[in-house]
Amino acid sequence: MERIYTSGTKTDVTYFTGFEVEKTPAYDMDTLFVVGPQPVDEIIDQAEHFGSQHIYLGANQSFHIDLRFMVNHLLK
């Protein structure tokens, strides 16, 4: 999936931030979006670096069964 930034277009995005727009309990929260399975320690580092209140796993329609490990580890 292509993402357009002021610095140009990227096709290999792993993390990006923004505000949650879906009408869920996380609506309007500063969110770290994670594309595909990523190392849990790296996700935590990114969330802390950006001060994200919410982490959205499986962004850009990348959610699949491999994310269960990440979810379980992050919840701990």
PDB file of N, CA and C in Angstrom:
ATOM      1  N   MET A   1       0.842  -1.182   0.000  1.00  0.00           N
ATOM      2  CA  MET A   1       0.000   0.000   0.000  1.00  0.00           C
ATOM      3  C   MET A   1       0.886   1.244   0.000  1.00  0.00           C
ATOM      4  N   GLU A   2       0.559   2.182  -0.813  1.00  0.00           N
ATOM      5  CA  GLU A   2       1.308   3.432  -0.881  1.00  0.00           C
ATOM      6  C   GLU A   2       0.799   4.411   0.161  1.00  0.00           C
ATOM      7  N   ARG A   3       1.749   5.106   0.799  1.00  0.00           N
ATOM      8  CA  ARG A   3       1.420   6.178   1.732  1.00  0.00           C
ATOM      9  C   ARG A   3       2.145   7.418   1.234  1.00  0.00           C
ATOM     10  N   ILE A   4       1.420   8.521   1.165  1.00  0.00           N
ATOM     11  CA  ILE A   4       1.981   9.765   0.641  1.00  0.00           C
ATOM     12  C   ILE A   4       2.329  10.685   1.808  1.00  0.00           C
ATOM     13  N   TYR A   5       3.587  11.126   1.834  1.00  0.00           N
ATOM     14  CA  TYR A   5       4.091  12.019   2.854  1.00  0.00           C
ATOM     15  C   TYR A   5       4.613  13.284   2.175  1.00  0.00           C
ATOM     16  N   THR A   6       4.884  14.304   2.973  1.00  0.00           N
ATOM     17  CA  THR A   6       5.433  15.529   2.403  1.00  0.00           C
ATOM     18  C   THR A   6       6.811  15.280   1.799  1.00  0.00           C
ATOM     19  N   SER A   7       7.508  14.257   2.296  1.00  0.00           N
ATOM     20  CA  SER A   7       8.838  13.939   1.775  1.00  0.00           C
ATOM     21  C   SER A   7       8.789  12.989   0.577  1.00  0.00           C
ATOM     22  N   GLY A   8       7.589  12.547   0.191  1.00  0.00           N
ATOM     23  CA  GLY A   8       7.453  11.652  -0.957  1.00  0.00           C
ATOM     24  C   GLY A   8       6.543  10.472  -0.662  1.00  0.00           C
ATOM     25  N   THR A   9       6.449   9.564  -1.612  1.00  0.00           N
ATOM     26  CA  THR A   9       5.593   8.389  -1.482  1.00  0.00           C
ATOM     27  C   THR A   9       6.417   7.202  -1.007  1.00  0.00           C
ATOM     28  N   LYS A  10       5.873   6.455  -0.054  1.00  0.00           N
ATOM     29  CA  LYS A  10       6.543   5.271   0.482  1.00  0.00           C
ATOM     30  C   LYS A  10       5.667   4.041   0.246  1.00  0.00           C
ATOM     31  N   THR A  11       6.303   2.922  -0.055  1.00  0.00           N
ATOM     32  CA  THR A  11       5.559   1.670  -0.230  1.00  0.00           C
ATOM     33  C   THR A  11       5.963   0.621   0.800  1.00  0.00           C
ATOM     34  N   ASP A  12       6.990   0.918   1.603  1.00  0.00           N
ATOM     35  CA  ASP A  12       7.494  -0.045   2.572  1.00  0.00           C
ATOM     36  C   ASP A  12       7.296   0.425   4.016  1.00  0.00           C
ATOM     37  N   VAL A  13       6.154   1.016   4.306  1.00  0.00           N
ATOM     38  CA  VAL A  13       5.878   1.571   5.627  1.00  0.00           C
ATOM     39  C   VAL A  13       5.606   0.439   6.623  1.00  0.00           C
ATOM     40  N   THR A  14       6.243   0.528   7.787  1.00  0.00           N
ATOM     41  CA  THR A  14       6.050  -0.443   8.855  1.00  0.00           C
ATOM     42  C   THR A  14       5.264   0.172  10.011  1.00  0.00           C
ATOM     43  N   TYR A  15       5.564   1.428  10.322  1.00  0.00           N
ATOM     44  CA  TYR A  15       4.896   2.167  11.395  1.00  0.00           C
ATOM     45  C   TYR A  15       4.489   3.539  10.869  1.00  0.00           C
ATOM     46  N   PHE A  16       3.344   4.016  11.355  1.00  0.00           N
ATOM     47  CA  PHE A  16       2.977   5.402  11.125  1.00  0.00           C
ATOM     48  C   PHE A  16       2.054   5.833  12.249  1.00  0.00           C
ATOM     49  N   THR A  17       1.958   7.118  12.472  1.00  0.00           N
ATOM     50  CA  THR A  17       1.132   7.632  13.559  1.00  0.00           C
ATOM     51  C   THR A  17       0.026   8.517  13.014  1.00  0.00           C
ATOM     52  N   GLY A  18      -0.996   8.668  13.821  1.00  0.00           N
ATOM     53  CA  GLY A  18      -2.126   9.510  13.466  1.00  0.00           C
ATOM     54  C   GLY A  18      -3.193   9.367  14.526  1.00  0.00           C
ATOM     55  N   PHE A  19      -4.338   9.945  14.279  1.00  0.00           N
ATOM     56  CA  PHE A  19      -5.444   9.859  15.224  1.00  0.00           C
ATOM     57  C   PHE A  19      -6.433   8.806  14.743  1.00  0.00           C
ATOM     58  N   GLU A  20      -6.884   7.977  15.671  1.00  0.00           N
ATOM     59  CA  GLU A  20      -7.864   6.939  15.344  1.00  0.00           C
ATOM     60  C   GLU A  20      -9.160   7.611  14.901  1.00  0.00           C
ATOM     61  N   VAL A  21      -9.708   7.173  13.782  1.00  0.00           N
ATOM     62  CA  VAL A  21     -10.915   7.798  13.230  1.00  0.00           C
ATOM     63  C   VAL A  21     -12.152   6.908  13.346  1.00  0.00           C
ATOM     64  N   GLU A  22     -11.952   5.631  13.646  1.00  0.00           N
ATOM     65  CA  GLU A  22     -13.102   4.730  13.800  1.00  0.00           C
ATOM     66  C   GLU A  22     -13.803   5.036  15.117  1.00  0.00           C
ATOM     67  N   LYS A  23     -15.105   4.882  15.148  1.00  0.00           N
ATOM     68  CA  LYS A  23     -15.905   5.186  16.345  1.00  0.00           C
ATOM     69  C   LYS A  23     -15.811   4.027  17.341  1.00  0.00           C
ATOM     70  N   THR A  24     -14.632   3.879  17.931  1.00  0.00           N
ATOM     71  CA  THR A  24     -14.364   2.856  18.938  1.00  0.00           C
ATOM     72  C   THR A  24     -13.957   3.568  20.223  1.00  0.00           C
ATOM     73  N   PRO A  25     -13.705   2.840  21.311  1.00  0.00           N
ATOM     74  CA  PRO A  25     -13.223   3.512  22.523  1.00  0.00           C
ATOM     75  C   PRO A  25     -11.906   4.264  22.311  1.00  0.00           C
ATOM     76  N   ALA A  26     -11.170   3.945  21.258  1.00  0.00           N
ATOM     77  CA  ALA A  26      -9.900   4.627  20.971  1.00  0.00           C
ATOM     78  C   ALA A  26     -10.075   5.827  20.041  1.00  0.00           C
ATOM     79  N   TYR A  27     -11.319   6.181  19.730  1.00  0.00           N
ATOM     80  CA  TYR A  27     -11.578   7.290  18.803  1.00  0.00           C
ATOM     81  C   TYR A  27     -10.812   8.540  19.213  1.00  0.00           C
ATOM     82  N   ASP A  28     -10.134   9.157  18.259  1.00  0.00           N
ATOM     83  CA  ASP A  28      -9.416  10.417  18.395  1.00  0.00           C
ATOM     84  C   ASP A  28      -8.151  10.317  19.261  1.00  0.00           C
ATOM     85  N   MET A  29      -7.724   9.091  19.593  1.00  0.00           N
ATOM     86  CA  MET A  29      -6.489   8.919  20.359  1.00  0.00           C
ATOM     87  C   MET A  29      -5.289   8.961  19.418  1.00  0.00           C
ATOM     88  N   ASP A  30      -4.192   9.482  19.931  1.00  0.00           N
ATOM     89  CA  ASP A  30      -2.926   9.468  19.200  1.00  0.00           C
ATOM     90  C   ASP A  30      -2.500   8.009  19.091  1.00  0.00           C
ATOM     91  N   THR A  31      -2.402   7.500  17.873  1.00  0.00           N
ATOM     92  CA  THR A  31      -2.263   6.073  17.628  1.00  0.00           C
ATOM     93  C   THR A  31      -1.004   5.740  16.842  1.00  0.00           C
ATOM     94  N   LEU A  32      -0.350   4.645  17.250  1.00  0.00           N
ATOM     95  CA  LEU A  32       0.733   4.066  16.476  1.00  0.00           C
ATOM     96  C   LEU A  32       0.116   2.935  15.655  1.00  0.00           C
ATOM     97  N   PHE A  33       0.190   3.049  14.346  1.00  0.00           N
ATOM     98  CA  PHE A  33      -0.329   2.019  13.448  1.00  0.00           C
ATOM     99  C   PHE A  33       0.828   1.106  13.063  1.00  0.00           C
ATOM    100  N   VAL A  34       0.630  -0.209  13.204  1.00  0.00           N
ATOM    101  CA  VAL A  34       1.671  -1.197  12.947  1.00  0.00           C
ATOM    102  C   VAL A  34       1.236  -2.073  11.772  1.00  0.00           C
ATOM    103  N   VAL A  35       2.061  -2.112  10.734  1.00  0.00           N
ATOM    104  CA  VAL A  35       1.763  -2.893   9.533  1.00  0.00           C
ATOM    105  C   VAL A  35       2.447  -4.252   9.642  1.00  0.00           C
ATOM    106  N   GLY A  36       1.650  -5.314   9.630  1.00  0.00           N
ATOM    107  CA  GLY A  36       2.180  -6.676   9.666  1.00  0.00           C
ATOM    108  C   GLY A  36       2.824  -7.026  10.991  1.00  0.00           C
ATOM    109  N   PRO A  37       3.293  -8.253  11.112  1.00  0.00           N
ATOM    110  CA  PRO A  37       3.956  -8.660  12.353  1.00  0.00           C
ATOM    111  C   PRO A  37       5.316  -7.969  12.487  1.00  0.00           C
ATOM    112  N   GLN A  38       5.555  -7.402  13.665  1.00  0.00           N
ATOM    113  CA  GLN A  38       6.804  -6.704  13.948  1.00  0.00           C
ATOM    114  C   GLN A  38       7.309  -7.160  15.320  1.00  0.00           C
ATOM    115  N   PRO A  39       8.592  -6.982  15.610  1.00  0.00           N
ATOM    116  CA  PRO A  39       9.115  -7.345  16.922  1.00  0.00           C
ATOM    117  C   PRO A  39       8.416  -6.529  18.024  1.00  0.00           C
ATOM    118  N   VAL A  40       7.958  -7.221  19.054  1.00  0.00           N
ATOM    119  CA  VAL A  40       7.189  -6.573  20.119  1.00  0.00           C
ATOM    120  C   VAL A  40       8.006  -5.472  20.796  1.00  0.00           C
ATOM    121  N   ASP A  41       9.273  -5.725  21.072  1.00  0.00           N
ATOM    122  CA  ASP A  41      10.102  -4.700  21.712  1.00  0.00           C
ATOM    123  C   ASP A  41      10.203  -3.443  20.849  1.00  0.00           C
ATOM    124  N   GLU A  42      10.248  -3.637  19.541  1.00  0.00           N
ATOM    125  CA  GLU A  42      10.311  -2.505  18.616  1.00  0.00           C
ATOM    126  C   GLU A  42       8.992  -1.723  18.638  1.00  0.00           C
ATOM    127  N   ILE A  43       7.871  -2.422  18.717  1.00  0.00           N
ATOM    128  CA  ILE A  43       6.555  -1.761  18.796  1.00  0.00           C
ATOM    129  C   ILE A  43       6.495  -0.889  20.046  1.00  0.00           C
ATOM    130  N   ILE A  44       6.915  -1.446  21.169  1.00  0.00           N
ATOM    131  CA  ILE A  44       6.892  -0.696  22.433  1.00  0.00           C
ATOM    132  C   ILE A  44       7.799   0.526  22.337  1.00  0.00           C
ATOM    133  N   ASP A  45       8.997   0.353  21.782  1.00  0.00           N
ATOM    134  CA  ASP A  45       9.913   1.487  21.609  1.00  0.00           C
ATOM    135  C   ASP A  45       9.290   2.580  20.746  1.00  0.00           C
ATOM    136  N   GLN A  46       8.649   2.187  19.641  1.00  0.00           N
ATOM    137  CA  GLN A  46       8.015   3.164  18.750  1.00  0.00           C
ATOM    138  C   GLN A  46       6.870   3.888  19.462  1.00  0.00           C
ATOM    139  N   ALA A  47       6.048   3.143  20.195  1.00  0.00           N
ATOM    140  CA  ALA A  47       4.916   3.756  20.910  1.00  0.00           C
ATOM    141  C   ALA A  47       5.417   4.757  21.944  1.00  0.00           C
ATOM    142  N   GLU A  48       6.463   4.389  22.665  1.00  0.00           N
ATOM    143  CA  GLU A  48       7.024   5.303  23.664  1.00  0.00           C
ATOM    144  C   GLU A  48       7.666   6.520  23.000  1.00  0.00           C
ATOM    145  N   HIS A  49       8.372   6.290  21.903  1.00  0.00           N
ATOM    146  CA  HIS A  49       9.031   7.393  21.189  1.00  0.00           C
ATOM    147  C   HIS A  49       8.017   8.441  20.707  1.00  0.00           C
ATOM    148  N   PHE A  50       6.899   7.975  20.167  1.00  0.00           N
ATOM    149  CA  PHE A  50       5.894   8.902  19.638  1.00  0.00           C
ATOM    150  C   PHE A  50       4.855   9.307  20.674  1.00  0.00           C
ATOM    151  N   GLY A  51       4.910   8.735  21.872  1.00  0.00           N
ATOM    152  CA  GLY A  51       3.938   9.073  22.917  1.00  0.00           C
ATOM    153  C   GLY A  51       2.535   8.615  22.565  1.00  0.00           C
ATOM    154  N   SER A  52       2.436   7.502  21.864  1.00  0.00           N
ATOM    155  CA  SER A  52       1.131   7.000  21.405  1.00  0.00           C
ATOM    156  C   SER A  52       0.299   6.477  22.573  1.00  0.00           C
ATOM    157  N   GLN A  53      -0.974   6.836  22.569  1.00  0.00           N
ATOM    158  CA  GLN A  53      -1.909   6.376  23.585  1.00  0.00           C
ATOM    159  C   GLN A  53      -2.532   5.035  23.205  1.00  0.00           C
ATOM    160  N   HIS A  54      -2.414   4.667  21.965  1.00  0.00           N
ATOM    161  CA  HIS A  54      -3.124   3.511  21.425  1.00  0.00           C
ATOM    162  C   HIS A  54      -2.248   2.876  20.353  1.00  0.00           C
ATOM    163  N   ILE A  55      -2.287   1.536  20.274  1.00  0.00           N
ATOM    164  CA  ILE A  55      -1.544   0.813  19.241  1.00  0.00           C
ATOM    165  C   ILE A  55      -2.548   0.043  18.394  1.00  0.00           C
ATOM    166  N   TYR A  56      -2.486   0.244  17.103  1.00  0.00           N
ATOM    167  CA  TYR A  56      -3.382  -0.412  16.148  1.00  0.00           C
ATOM    168  C   TYR A  56      -2.569  -1.443  15.371  1.00  0.00           C
ATOM    169  N   LEU A  57      -2.761  -2.722  15.693  1.00  0.00           N
ATOM    170  CA  LEU A  57      -2.055  -3.798  15.003  1.00  0.00           C
ATOM    171  C   LEU A  57      -2.807  -4.186  13.746  1.00  0.00           C
ATOM    172  N   GLY A  58      -2.080  -4.571  12.724  1.00  0.00           N
ATOM    173  CA  GLY A  58      -2.713  -5.025  11.484  1.00  0.00           C
ATOM    174  C   GLY A  58      -3.168  -3.891  10.592  1.00  0.00           C
ATOM    175  N   ALA A  59      -2.497  -2.742  10.671  1.00  0.00           N
ATOM    176  CA  ALA A  59      -2.860  -1.601   9.829  1.00  0.00           C
ATOM    177  C   ALA A  59      -2.665  -1.942   8.350  1.00  0.00           C
ATOM    178  N   ASN A  60      -3.335  -1.195   7.506  1.00  0.00           N
ATOM    179  CA  ASN A  60      -3.266  -1.392   6.052  1.00  0.00           C
ATOM    180  C   ASN A  60      -3.692  -2.802   5.648  1.00  0.00           C
ATOM    181  N   GLN A  61      -4.693  -3.315   6.346  1.00  0.00           N
ATOM    182  CA  GLN A  61      -5.268  -4.642   6.055  1.00  0.00           C
ATOM    183  C   GLN A  61      -4.223  -5.746   6.161  1.00  0.00           C
ATOM    184  N   SER A  62      -3.299  -5.628   7.136  1.00  0.00           N
ATOM    185  CA  SER A  62      -2.245  -6.621   7.307  1.00  0.00           C
ATOM    186  C   SER A  62      -2.502  -7.560   8.478  1.00  0.00           C
ATOM    187  N   PHE A  63      -3.709  -7.522   9.040  1.00  0.00           N
ATOM    188  CA  PHE A  63      -4.002  -8.376  10.195  1.00  0.00           C
ATOM    189  C   PHE A  63      -4.136  -9.827   9.759  1.00  0.00           C
ATOM    190  N   HIS A  64      -3.424 -10.694  10.428  1.00  0.00           N
ATOM    191  CA  HIS A  64      -3.554 -12.129  10.188  1.00  0.00           C
ATOM    192  C   HIS A  64      -3.150 -12.890  11.439  1.00  0.00           C
ATOM    193  N   ILE A  65      -3.227 -14.197  11.403  1.00  0.00           N
ATOM    194  CA  ILE A  65      -3.058 -15.057  12.568  1.00  0.00           C
ATOM    195  C   ILE A  65      -1.714 -14.857  13.272  1.00  0.00           C
ATOM    196  N   ASP A  66      -0.668 -14.472  12.568  1.00  0.00           N
ATOM    197  CA  ASP A  66       0.651 -14.294  13.168  1.00  0.00           C
ATOM    198  C   ASP A  66       0.680 -13.175  14.203  1.00  0.00           C
ATOM    199  N   LEU A  67      -0.332 -12.353  14.236  1.00  0.00           N
ATOM    200  CA  LEU A  67      -0.346 -11.239  15.177  1.00  0.00           C
ATOM    201  C   LEU A  67      -0.750 -11.665  16.582  1.00  0.00           C
ATOM    202  N   ARG A  68      -1.275 -12.881  16.753  1.00  0.00           N
ATOM    203  CA  ARG A  68      -1.702 -13.328  18.087  1.00  0.00           C
ATOM    204  C   ARG A  68      -0.566 -13.253  19.094  1.00  0.00           C
ATOM    205  N   PHE A  69       0.638 -13.685  18.701  1.00  0.00           N
ATOM    206  CA  PHE A  69       1.777 -13.635  19.611  1.00  0.00           C
ATOM    207  C   PHE A  69       2.045 -12.196  20.042  1.00  0.00           C
ATOM    208  N   MET A  70       2.007 -11.281  19.100  1.00  0.00           N
ATOM    209  CA  MET A  70       2.267  -9.878  19.406  1.00  0.00           C
ATOM    210  C   MET A  70       1.230  -9.346  20.384  1.00  0.00           C
ATOM    211  N   VAL A  71      -0.032  -9.665  20.143  1.00  0.00           N
ATOM    212  CA  VAL A  71      -1.110  -9.184  21.014  1.00  0.00           C
ATOM    213  C   VAL A  71      -0.917  -9.708  22.428  1.00  0.00           C
ATOM    214  N   ASN A  72      -0.702 -11.007  22.556  1.00  0.00           N
ATOM    215  CA  ASN A  72      -0.522 -11.599  23.887  1.00  0.00           C
ATOM    216  C   ASN A  72       0.669 -10.972  24.610  1.00  0.00           C
ATOM    217  N   HIS A  73       1.759 -10.783  23.927  1.00  0.00           N
ATOM    218  CA  HIS A  73       2.958 -10.210  24.554  1.00  0.00           C
ATOM    219  C   HIS A  73       2.740  -8.752  24.947  1.00  0.00           C
ATOM    220  N   LEU A  74       2.094  -7.973  24.083  1.00  0.00           N
ATOM    221  CA  LEU A  74       1.853  -6.560  24.390  1.00  0.00           C
ATOM    222  C   LEU A  74       0.890  -6.397  25.567  1.00  0.00           C
ATOM    223  N   LEU A  75      -0.077  -7.295  25.692  1.00  0.00           N
ATOM    224  CA  LEU A  75      -1.026  -7.196  26.801  1.00  0.00           C
ATOM    225  C   LEU A  75      -0.362  -7.470  28.158  1.00  0.00           C
ATOM    226  N   LYS A  76       0.714  -8.253  28.127  1.00  0.00           N
ATOM    227  CA  LYS A  76       1.441  -8.513  29.377  1.00  0.00           C
ATOM    228  C   LYS A  76       2.117  -7.242  29.839  1.00  0.00           C
TER     229      LYS A  76
END
